[in-house]
């Protein structure tokens, strides 16, 4: 595992990219603490392969398909009781 400071990484970027391309992860540090990792594109793709990419609607569909999902049926009165009844603020459009 290679480790380098941000300052060194800035001056040695080409060498570090070649290292990553050969399969060696490069850990980049700030004041001795790890802050980033430089990986090859192949390694990055391999790590991302198992991750699902969802949009908001996909998450709702997934949640509703769960057998444990129970929809909430609120009455209009319950919803109305949560309404903010404070007076609206005055607003002026910028010119």
PDB file of N, CA and C in Angstrom:
ATOM      1  N   UNK A   1       0.846  -1.177   0.000  1.00  0.00           N
ATOM      2  CA  UNK A   1       0.000   0.000   0.000  1.00  0.00           C
ATOM      3  C   UNK A   1       0.889   1.238   0.000  1.00  0.00           C
ATOM      4  N   UNK A   2       0.775   2.026  -1.049  1.00  0.00           N
ATOM      5  CA  UNK A   2       1.545   3.263  -1.126  1.00  0.00           C
ATOM      6  C   UNK A   2       0.808   4.359  -0.371  1.00  0.00           C
ATOM      7  N   UNK A   3       1.573   5.206   0.276  1.00  0.00           N
ATOM      8  CA  UNK A   3       0.997   6.327   1.010  1.00  0.00           C
ATOM      9  C   UNK A   3       1.799   7.578   0.677  1.00  0.00           C
ATOM     10  N   UNK A   4       1.087   8.668   0.401  1.00  0.00           N
ATOM     11  CA  UNK A   4       1.770   9.893   0.033  1.00  0.00           C
ATOM     12  C   UNK A   4       0.977  11.096   0.529  1.00  0.00           C
ATOM     13  N   UNK A   5       1.655  12.188   0.766  1.00  0.00           N
ATOM     14  CA  UNK A   5       0.978  13.411   1.199  1.00  0.00           C
ATOM     15  C   UNK A   5       0.346  14.106  -0.005  1.00  0.00           C
ATOM     16  N   UNK A   6      -0.562  15.010   0.268  1.00  0.00           N
ATOM     17  CA  UNK A   6      -1.183  15.773  -0.814  1.00  0.00           C
ATOM     18  C   UNK A   6      -0.127  16.544  -1.603  1.00  0.00           C
ATOM     19  N   UNK A   7       0.798  17.166  -0.898  1.00  0.00           N
ATOM     20  CA  UNK A   7       1.839  17.953  -1.571  1.00  0.00           C
ATOM     21  C   UNK A   7       2.664  17.072  -2.503  1.00  0.00           C
ATOM     22  N   UNK A   8       3.050  15.899  -2.034  1.00  0.00           N
ATOM     23  CA  UNK A   8       3.826  14.986  -2.876  1.00  0.00           C
ATOM     24  C   UNK A   8       2.975  14.482  -4.035  1.00  0.00           C
ATOM     25  N   UNK A   9       1.691  14.225  -3.781  1.00  0.00           N
ATOM     26  CA  UNK A   9       0.801  13.740  -4.835  1.00  0.00           C
ATOM     27  C   UNK A   9       0.673  14.771  -5.950  1.00  0.00           C
ATOM     28  N   UNK A  10       0.641  16.052  -5.582  1.00  0.00           N
ATOM     29  CA  UNK A  10       0.551  17.098  -6.593  1.00  0.00           C
ATOM     30  C   UNK A  10       1.775  17.093  -7.513  1.00  0.00           C
ATOM     31  N   UNK A  11       2.932  16.892  -6.935  1.00  0.00           N
ATOM     32  CA  UNK A  11       4.150  16.942  -7.749  1.00  0.00           C
ATOM     33  C   UNK A  11       4.461  15.608  -8.427  1.00  0.00           C
ATOM     34  N   UNK A  12       3.862  14.524  -7.966  1.00  0.00           N
ATOM     35  CA  UNK A  12       4.162  13.191  -8.503  1.00  0.00           C
ATOM     36  C   UNK A  12       2.934  12.503  -9.095  1.00  0.00           C
ATOM     37  N   UNK A  13       1.949  13.263  -9.555  1.00  0.00           N
ATOM     38  CA  UNK A  13       0.677  12.685  -9.985  1.00  0.00           C
ATOM     39  C   UNK A  13       0.845  11.627 -11.077  1.00  0.00           C
ATOM     40  N   UNK A  14       1.655  11.899 -12.072  1.00  0.00           N
ATOM     41  CA  UNK A  14       1.825  10.940 -13.160  1.00  0.00           C
ATOM     42  C   UNK A  14       2.337   9.600 -12.641  1.00  0.00           C
ATOM     43  N   UNK A  15       3.359   9.643 -11.783  1.00  0.00           N
ATOM     44  CA  UNK A  15       3.913   8.410 -11.210  1.00  0.00           C
ATOM     45  C   UNK A  15       2.858   7.671 -10.391  1.00  0.00           C
ATOM     46  N   UNK A  16       2.055   8.399  -9.618  1.00  0.00           N
ATOM     47  CA  UNK A  16       1.033   7.767  -8.778  1.00  0.00           C
ATOM     48  C   UNK A  16      -0.080   7.154  -9.619  1.00  0.00           C
ATOM     49  N   UNK A  17      -0.428   7.811 -10.717  1.00  0.00           N
ATOM     50  CA  UNK A  17      -1.441   7.239 -11.613  1.00  0.00           C
ATOM     51  C   UNK A  17      -0.937   5.943 -12.230  1.00  0.00           C
ATOM     52  N   UNK A  18       0.335   5.905 -12.626  1.00  0.00           N
ATOM     53  CA  UNK A  18       0.907   4.659 -13.163  1.00  0.00           C
ATOM     54  C   UNK A  18       0.874   3.564 -12.101  1.00  0.00           C
ATOM     55  N   UNK A  19       1.156   3.911 -10.864  1.00  0.00           N
ATOM     56  CA  UNK A  19       1.092   2.940  -9.773  1.00  0.00           C
ATOM     57  C   UNK A  19      -0.319   2.382  -9.647  1.00  0.00           C
ATOM     58  N   UNK A  20      -1.312   3.270  -9.660  1.00  0.00           N
ATOM     59  CA  UNK A  20      -2.705   2.836  -9.534  1.00  0.00           C
ATOM     60  C   UNK A  20      -3.104   1.954 -10.714  1.00  0.00           C
ATOM     61  N   UNK A  21      -2.642   2.304 -11.909  1.00  0.00           N
ATOM     62  CA  UNK A  21      -2.951   1.507 -13.100  1.00  0.00           C
ATOM     63  C   UNK A  21      -2.392   0.097 -12.988  1.00  0.00           C
ATOM     64  N   UNK A  22      -1.283  -0.046 -12.289  1.00  0.00           N
ATOM     65  CA  UNK A  22      -0.689  -1.371 -12.090  1.00  0.00           C
ATOM     66  C   UNK A  22      -1.406  -2.152 -10.987  1.00  0.00           C
ATOM     67  N   UNK A  23      -2.450  -1.543 -10.371  1.00  0.00           N
ATOM     68  CA  UNK A  23      -3.234  -2.260  -9.368  1.00  0.00           C
ATOM     69  C   UNK A  23      -2.907  -1.916  -7.929  1.00  0.00           C
ATOM     70  N   UNK A  24      -1.989  -0.980  -7.720  1.00  0.00           N
ATOM     71  CA  UNK A  24      -1.613  -0.617  -6.356  1.00  0.00           C
ATOM     72  C   UNK A  24      -2.392   0.627  -5.930  1.00  0.00           C
ATOM     73  N   UNK A  25      -3.219   0.499  -4.912  1.00  0.00           N
ATOM     74  CA  UNK A  25      -3.970   1.647  -4.394  1.00  0.00           C
ATOM     75  C   UNK A  25      -2.992   2.627  -3.747  1.00  0.00           C
ATOM     76  N   UNK A  26      -3.219   3.898  -3.976  1.00  0.00           N
ATOM     77  CA  UNK A  26      -2.353   4.934  -3.411  1.00  0.00           C
ATOM     78  C   UNK A  26      -3.171   5.732  -2.402  1.00  0.00           C
ATOM     79  N   UNK A  27      -2.777   5.670  -1.144  1.00  0.00           N
ATOM     80  CA  UNK A  27      -3.465   6.405  -0.087  1.00  0.00           C
ATOM     81  C   UNK A  27      -2.846   7.791   0.029  1.00  0.00           C
ATOM     82  N   UNK A  28      -3.702   8.808  -0.039  1.00  0.00           N
ATOM     83  CA  UNK A  28      -3.236  10.188   0.032  1.00  0.00           C
ATOM     84  C   UNK A  28      -3.592  10.742   1.403  1.00  0.00           C
ATOM     85  N   UNK A  29      -2.607  11.387   2.044  1.00  0.00           N
ATOM     86  CA  UNK A  29      -2.799  11.847   3.420  1.00  0.00           C
ATOM     87  C   UNK A  29      -2.660  13.360   3.531  1.00  0.00           C
ATOM     88  N   UNK A  30      -3.278  13.881   4.584  1.00  0.00           N
ATOM     89  CA  UNK A  30      -3.105  15.281   4.962  1.00  0.00           C
ATOM     90  C   UNK A  30      -2.696  15.264   6.431  1.00  0.00           C
ATOM     91  N   UNK A  31      -1.526  15.801   6.691  1.00  0.00           N
ATOM     92  CA  UNK A  31      -0.963  15.804   8.056  1.00  0.00           C
ATOM     93  C   UNK A  31      -0.953  14.398   8.663  1.00  0.00           C
ATOM     94  N   UNK A  32      -0.618  13.427   7.821  1.00  0.00           N
ATOM     95  CA  UNK A  32      -0.477  12.052   8.289  1.00  0.00           C
ATOM     96  C   UNK A  32      -1.767  11.261   8.381  1.00  0.00           C
ATOM     97  N   UNK A  33      -2.906  11.897   8.119  1.00  0.00           N
ATOM     98  CA  UNK A  33      -4.188  11.182   8.201  1.00  0.00           C
ATOM     99  C   UNK A  33      -4.726  10.929   6.799  1.00  0.00           C
ATOM    100  N   UNK A  34      -5.202   9.702   6.527  1.00  0.00           N
ATOM    101  CA  UNK A  34      -5.711   9.374   5.196  1.00  0.00           C
ATOM    102  C   UNK A  34      -6.931  10.220   4.846  1.00  0.00           C
ATOM    103  N   UNK A  35      -6.954  10.779   3.613  1.00  0.00           N
ATOM    104  CA  UNK A  35      -8.095  11.578   3.163  1.00  0.00           C
ATOM    105  C   UNK A  35      -8.662  11.104   1.828  1.00  0.00           C
ATOM    106  N   UNK A  36      -7.903  10.333   1.056  1.00  0.00           N
ATOM    107  CA  UNK A  36      -8.378   9.875  -0.248  1.00  0.00           C
ATOM    108  C   UNK A  36      -7.573   8.653  -0.681  1.00  0.00           C
ATOM    109  N   UNK A  37      -8.123   7.949  -1.668  1.00  0.00           N
ATOM    110  CA  UNK A  37      -7.431   6.791  -2.230  1.00  0.00           C
ATOM    111  C   UNK A  37      -7.498   6.909  -3.751  1.00  0.00           C
ATOM    112  N   UNK A  38      -6.375   6.735  -4.397  1.00  0.00           N
ATOM    113  CA  UNK A  38      -6.293   6.748  -5.853  1.00  0.00           C
ATOM    114  C   UNK A  38      -6.308   5.297  -6.322  1.00  0.00           C
ATOM    115  N   UNK A  39      -7.323   4.954  -7.160  1.00  0.00           N
ATOM    116  CA  UNK A  39      -7.488   3.585  -7.656  1.00  0.00           C
ATOM    117  C   UNK A  39      -7.481   3.586  -9.169  1.00  0.00           C
ATOM    118  N   UNK A  40      -7.215   2.427  -9.742  1.00  0.00           N
ATOM    119  CA  UNK A  40      -7.353   2.290 -11.189  1.00  0.00           C
ATOM    120  C   UNK A  40      -8.843   2.303 -11.530  1.00  0.00           C
ATOM    121  N   UNK A  41      -9.152   2.636 -12.779  1.00  0.00           N
ATOM    122  CA  UNK A  41     -10.549   2.637 -13.228  1.00  0.00           C
ATOM    123  C   UNK A  41     -11.144   1.235 -13.105  1.00  0.00           C
ATOM    124  N   UNK A  42     -10.356   0.198 -13.414  1.00  0.00           N
ATOM    125  CA  UNK A  42     -10.846  -1.178 -13.305  1.00  0.00           C
ATOM    126  C   UNK A  42     -11.222  -1.524 -11.872  1.00  0.00           C
ATOM    127  N   UNK A  43     -10.384  -1.140 -10.925  1.00  0.00           N
ATOM    128  CA  UNK A  43     -10.659  -1.434  -9.516  1.00  0.00           C
ATOM    129  C   UNK A  43     -11.880  -0.661  -9.038  1.00  0.00           C
ATOM    130  N   UNK A  44     -12.001   0.584  -9.451  1.00  0.00           N
ATOM    131  CA  UNK A  44     -13.153   1.396  -9.084  1.00  0.00           C
ATOM    132  C   UNK A  44     -14.443   0.766  -9.621  1.00  0.00           C
ATOM    133  N   UNK A  45     -14.431   0.342 -10.882  1.00  0.00           N
ATOM    134  CA  UNK A  45     -15.603  -0.300 -11.486  1.00  0.00           C
ATOM    135  C   UNK A  45     -15.949  -1.590 -10.748  1.00  0.00           C
ATOM    136  N   UNK A  46     -14.938  -2.368 -10.361  1.00  0.00           N
ATOM    137  CA  UNK A  46     -15.177  -3.611  -9.629  1.00  0.00           C
ATOM    138  C   UNK A  46     -15.855  -3.329  -8.291  1.00  0.00           C
ATOM    139  N   UNK A  47     -15.405  -2.293  -7.597  1.00  0.00           N
ATOM    140  CA  UNK A  47     -15.995  -1.946  -6.307  1.00  0.00           C
ATOM    141  C   UNK A  47     -17.433  -1.441  -6.453  1.00  0.00           C
ATOM    142  N   UNK A  48     -17.711  -0.730  -7.521  1.00  0.00           N
ATOM    143  CA  UNK A  48     -19.056  -0.171  -7.738  1.00  0.00           C
ATOM    144  C   UNK A  48     -20.033  -1.196  -8.279  1.00  0.00           C
ATOM    145  N   UNK A  49     -19.531  -2.298  -8.776  1.00  0.00           N
ATOM    146  CA  UNK A  49     -20.365  -3.281  -9.443  1.00  0.00           C
ATOM    147  C   UNK A  49     -21.506  -3.775  -8.555  1.00  0.00           C
ATOM    148  N   UNK A  50     -21.270  -3.989  -7.304  1.00  0.00           N
ATOM    149  CA  UNK A  50     -22.295  -4.524  -6.417  1.00  0.00           C
ATOM    150  C   UNK A  50     -23.257  -3.482  -5.887  1.00  0.00           C
ATOM    151  N   UNK A  51     -23.030  -2.218  -6.161  1.00  0.00           N
ATOM    152  CA  UNK A  51     -23.893  -1.165  -5.628  1.00  0.00           C
ATOM    153  C   UNK A  51     -25.073  -0.911  -6.551  1.00  0.00           C
ATOM    154  N   UNK A  52     -26.250  -0.811  -5.945  1.00  0.00           N
ATOM    155  CA  UNK A  52     -27.439  -0.460  -6.706  1.00  0.00           C
ATOM    156  C   UNK A  52     -27.511   1.047  -6.829  1.00  0.00           C
ATOM    157  N   UNK A  53     -27.914   1.508  -7.983  1.00  0.00           N
ATOM    158  CA  UNK A  53     -28.150   2.934  -8.191  1.00  0.00           C
ATOM    159  C   UNK A  53     -29.657   3.140  -8.254  1.00  0.00           C
ATOM    160  N   UNK A  54     -30.219   3.878  -7.299  1.00  0.00           N
ATOM    161  CA  UNK A  54     -31.657   4.093  -7.235  1.00  0.00           C
ATOM    162  C   UNK A  54     -31.992   5.554  -7.431  1.00  0.00           C
ATOM    163  N   UNK A  55     -33.113   5.765  -8.057  1.00  0.00           N
ATOM    164  CA  UNK A  55     -33.673   7.094  -8.006  1.00  0.00           C
ATOM    165  C   UNK A  55     -34.771   7.068  -6.955  1.00  0.00           C
ATOM    166  N   UNK A  56     -35.333   8.209  -6.659  1.00  0.00           N
ATOM    167  CA  UNK A  56     -36.314   8.302  -5.572  1.00  0.00           C
ATOM    168  C   UNK A  56     -37.507   7.384  -5.818  1.00  0.00           C
ATOM    169  N   UNK A  57     -38.017   7.357  -7.041  1.00  0.00           N
ATOM    170  CA  UNK A  57     -39.188   6.529  -7.321  1.00  0.00           C
ATOM    171  C   UNK A  57     -38.872   5.039  -7.135  1.00  0.00           C
ATOM    172  N   UNK A  58     -37.698   4.591  -7.556  1.00  0.00           N
ATOM    173  CA  UNK A  58     -37.308   3.189  -7.352  1.00  0.00           C
ATOM    174  C   UNK A  58     -37.330   2.833  -5.869  1.00  0.00           C
ATOM    175  N   UNK A  59     -36.870   3.749  -5.015  1.00  0.00           N
ATOM    176  CA  UNK A  59     -36.875   3.492  -3.581  1.00  0.00           C
ATOM    177  C   UNK A  59     -38.293   3.381  -3.034  1.00  0.00           C
ATOM    178  N   UNK A  60     -39.197   4.211  -3.529  1.00  0.00           N
ATOM    179  CA  UNK A  60     -40.596   4.130  -3.088  1.00  0.00           C
ATOM    180  C   UNK A  60     -41.203   2.793  -3.507  1.00  0.00           C
ATOM    181  N   UNK A  61     -40.985   2.399  -4.750  1.00  0.00           N
ATOM    182  CA  UNK A  61     -41.509   1.126  -5.241  1.00  0.00           C
ATOM    183  C   UNK A  61     -40.954  -0.028  -4.407  1.00  0.00           C
ATOM    184  N   UNK A  62     -39.661   0.013  -4.123  1.00  0.00           N
ATOM    185  CA  UNK A  62     -39.042  -1.039  -3.307  1.00  0.00           C
ATOM    186  C   UNK A  62     -39.638  -1.067  -1.908  1.00  0.00           C
ATOM    187  N   UNK A  63     -39.838   0.092  -1.303  1.00  0.00           N
ATOM    188  CA  UNK A  63     -40.408   0.167   0.041  1.00  0.00           C
ATOM    189  C   UNK A  63     -41.826  -0.404   0.042  1.00  0.00           C
ATOM    190  N   UNK A  64     -42.630  -0.048  -0.972  1.00  0.00           N
ATOM    191  CA  UNK A  64     -44.020  -0.495  -1.008  1.00  0.00           C
ATOM    192  C   UNK A  64     -44.146  -1.978  -1.316  1.00  0.00           C
ATOM    193  N   UNK A  65     -43.123  -2.571  -1.937  1.00  0.00           N
ATOM    194  CA  UNK A  65     -43.188  -4.000  -2.252  1.00  0.00           C
ATOM    195  C   UNK A  65     -42.772  -4.874  -1.065  1.00  0.00           C
ATOM    196  N   UNK A  66     -42.211  -4.260  -0.038  1.00  0.00           N
ATOM    197  CA  UNK A  66     -41.814  -4.989   1.171  1.00  0.00           C
ATOM    198  C   UNK A  66     -43.071  -5.504   1.876  1.00  0.00           C
ATOM    199  N   UNK A  67     -43.140  -6.810   2.189  1.00  0.00           N
ATOM    200  CA  UNK A  67     -44.336  -7.356   2.853  1.00  0.00           C
ATOM    201  C   UNK A  67     -44.640  -6.684   4.198  1.00  0.00           C
ATOM    202  N   UNK A  68     -43.636  -6.119   4.834  1.00  0.00           N
ATOM    203  CA  UNK A  68     -43.857  -5.475   6.134  1.00  0.00           C
ATOM    204  C   UNK A  68     -44.366  -4.038   5.991  1.00  0.00           C
ATOM    205  N   UNK A  69     -44.467  -3.546   4.746  1.00  0.00           N
ATOM    206  CA  UNK A  69     -44.902  -2.167   4.537  1.00  0.00           C
ATOM    207  C   UNK A  69     -46.380  -2.023   4.851  1.00  0.00           C
ATOM    208  N   UNK A  70     -46.698  -1.038   5.675  1.00  0.00           N
ATOM    209  CA  UNK A  70     -48.088  -0.724   5.978  1.00  0.00           C
ATOM    210  C   UNK A  70     -48.330   0.743   5.673  1.00  0.00           C
ATOM    211  N   UNK A  71     -49.191   1.026   4.688  1.00  0.00           N
ATOM    212  CA  UNK A  71     -49.440   2.431   4.367  1.00  0.00           C
ATOM    213  C   UNK A  71     -50.124   3.139   5.533  1.00  0.00           C
ATOM    214  N   UNK A  72     -49.902   4.424   5.603  1.00  0.00           N
ATOM    215  CA  UNK A  72     -50.507   5.230   6.660  1.00  0.00           C
ATOM    216  C   UNK A  72     -51.729   5.921   6.070  1.00  0.00           C
ATOM    217  N   UNK A  73     -52.865   5.732   6.712  1.00  0.00           N
ATOM    218  CA  UNK A  73     -54.090   6.396   6.262  1.00  0.00           C
ATOM    219  C   UNK A  73     -54.457   7.478   7.255  1.00  0.00           C
ATOM    220  N   UNK A  74     -54.064   8.700   6.948  1.00  0.00           N
ATOM    221  CA  UNK A  74     -54.409   9.827   7.790  1.00  0.00           C
ATOM    222  C   UNK A  74     -55.698  10.444   7.286  1.00  0.00           C
ATOM    223  N   UNK A  75     -56.475  10.884   8.206  1.00  0.00           N
ATOM    224  CA  UNK A  75     -57.709  11.562   7.826  1.00  0.00           C
ATOM    225  C   UNK A  75     -57.375  12.995   7.427  1.00  0.00           C
ATOM    226  N   UNK A  76     -58.239  13.632   6.638  1.00  0.00           N
ATOM    227  CA  UNK A  76     -58.003  15.037   6.305  1.00  0.00           C
ATOM    228  C   UNK A  76     -57.908  15.922   7.557  1.00  0.00           C
ATOM    229  N   UNK A  77     -58.642  15.561   8.598  1.00  0.00           N
ATOM    230  CA  UNK A  77     -58.594  16.331   9.845  1.00  0.00           C
ATOM    231  C   UNK A  77     -57.213  16.234  10.503  1.00  0.00           C
ATOM    232  N   UNK A  78     -56.633  15.038  10.481  1.00  0.00           N
ATOM    233  CA  UNK A  78     -55.292  14.873  11.055  1.00  0.00           C
ATOM    234  C   UNK A  78     -54.270  15.701  10.275  1.00  0.00           C
ATOM    235  N   UNK A  79     -54.363  15.657   8.977  1.00  0.00           N
ATOM    236  CA  UNK A  79     -53.423  16.412   8.152  1.00  0.00           C
ATOM    237  C   UNK A  79     -53.604  17.904   8.390  1.00  0.00           C
ATOM    238  N   UNK A  80     -54.839  18.356   8.455  1.00  0.00           N
ATOM    239  CA  UNK A  80     -55.131  19.768   8.678  1.00  0.00           C
ATOM    240  C   UNK A  80     -54.613  20.229  10.039  1.00  0.00           C
ATOM    241  N   UNK A  81     -54.614  19.336  11.013  1.00  0.00           N
ATOM    242  CA  UNK A  81     -54.162  19.717  12.360  1.00  0.00           C
ATOM    243  C   UNK A  81     -52.667  20.009  12.400  1.00  0.00           C
ATOM    244  N   UNK A  82     -51.912  19.520  11.421  1.00  0.00           N
ATOM    245  CA  UNK A  82     -50.463  19.757  11.392  1.00  0.00           C
ATOM    246  C   UNK A  82     -50.105  21.053  10.680  1.00  0.00           C
ATOM    247  N   UNK A  83     -51.061  21.636  10.018  1.00  0.00           N
ATOM    248  CA  UNK A  83     -50.803  22.821   9.201  1.00  0.00           C
ATOM    249  C   UNK A  83     -50.273  23.975  10.032  1.00  0.00           C
ATOM    250  N   UNK A  84     -49.317  24.655   9.500  1.00  0.00           N
ATOM    251  CA  UNK A  84     -48.752  25.834  10.147  1.00  0.00           C
ATOM    252  C   UNK A  84     -49.744  26.979   9.982  1.00  0.00           C
ATOM    253  N   UNK A  85     -50.247  27.466  11.080  1.00  0.00           N
ATOM    254  CA  UNK A  85     -51.282  28.492  11.021  1.00  0.00           C
ATOM    255  C   UNK A  85     -50.738  29.899  11.254  1.00  0.00           C
ATOM    256  N   UNK A  86     -49.434  30.031  11.311  1.00  0.00           N
ATOM    257  CA  UNK A  86     -48.864  31.370  11.475  1.00  0.00           C
ATOM    258  C   UNK A  86     -49.130  32.193  10.223  1.00  0.00           C
ATOM    259  N   UNK A  87     -49.226  33.512  10.372  1.00  0.00           N
ATOM    260  CA  UNK A  87     -49.443  34.345   9.187  1.00  0.00           C
ATOM    261  C   UNK A  87     -48.270  34.216   8.219  1.00  0.00           C
ATOM    262  N   UNK A  88     -48.568  34.373   6.944  1.00  0.00           N
ATOM    263  CA  UNK A  88     -47.506  34.286   5.949  1.00  0.00           C
ATOM    264  C   UNK A  88     -46.587  35.495   6.061  1.00  0.00           C
ATOM    265  N   UNK A  89     -45.354  35.320   5.607  1.00  0.00           N
ATOM    266  CA  UNK A  89     -44.392  36.422   5.632  1.00  0.00           C
ATOM    267  C   UNK A  89     -44.572  37.285   4.398  1.00  0.00           C
ATOM    268  N   UNK A  90     -44.262  38.536   4.575  1.00  0.00           N
ATOM    269  CA  UNK A  90     -44.247  39.444   3.428  1.00  0.00           C
ATOM    270  C   UNK A  90     -42.989  39.141   2.619  1.00  0.00           C
ATOM    271  N   UNK A  91     -43.103  39.238   1.313  1.00  0.00           N
ATOM    272  CA  UNK A  91     -41.959  38.930   0.469  1.00  0.00           C
ATOM    273  C   UNK A  91     -41.929  39.955  -0.664  1.00  0.00           C
ATOM    274  N   UNK A  92     -40.766  40.467  -0.915  1.00  0.00           N
ATOM    275  CA  UNK A  92     -40.608  41.410  -2.030  1.00  0.00           C
ATOM    276  C   UNK A  92     -39.637  40.806  -3.033  1.00  0.00           C
ATOM    277  N   UNK A  93     -40.041  40.793  -4.288  1.00  0.00           N
ATOM    278  CA  UNK A  93     -39.188  40.272  -5.337  1.00  0.00           C
ATOM    279  C   UNK A  93     -38.051  41.249  -5.600  1.00  0.00           C
ATOM    280  N   UNK A  94     -36.856  40.758  -5.744  1.00  0.00           N
ATOM    281  CA  UNK A  94     -35.737  41.649  -6.077  1.00  0.00           C
ATOM    282  C   UNK A  94     -35.933  42.222  -7.484  1.00  0.00           C
ATOM    283  N   UNK A  95     -35.496  43.432  -7.670  1.00  0.00           N
ATOM    284  CA  UNK A  95     -35.651  44.080  -8.977  1.00  0.00           C
ATOM    285  C   UNK A  95     -34.463  43.834  -9.864  1.00  0.00           C
TER     286      UNK A  95
END
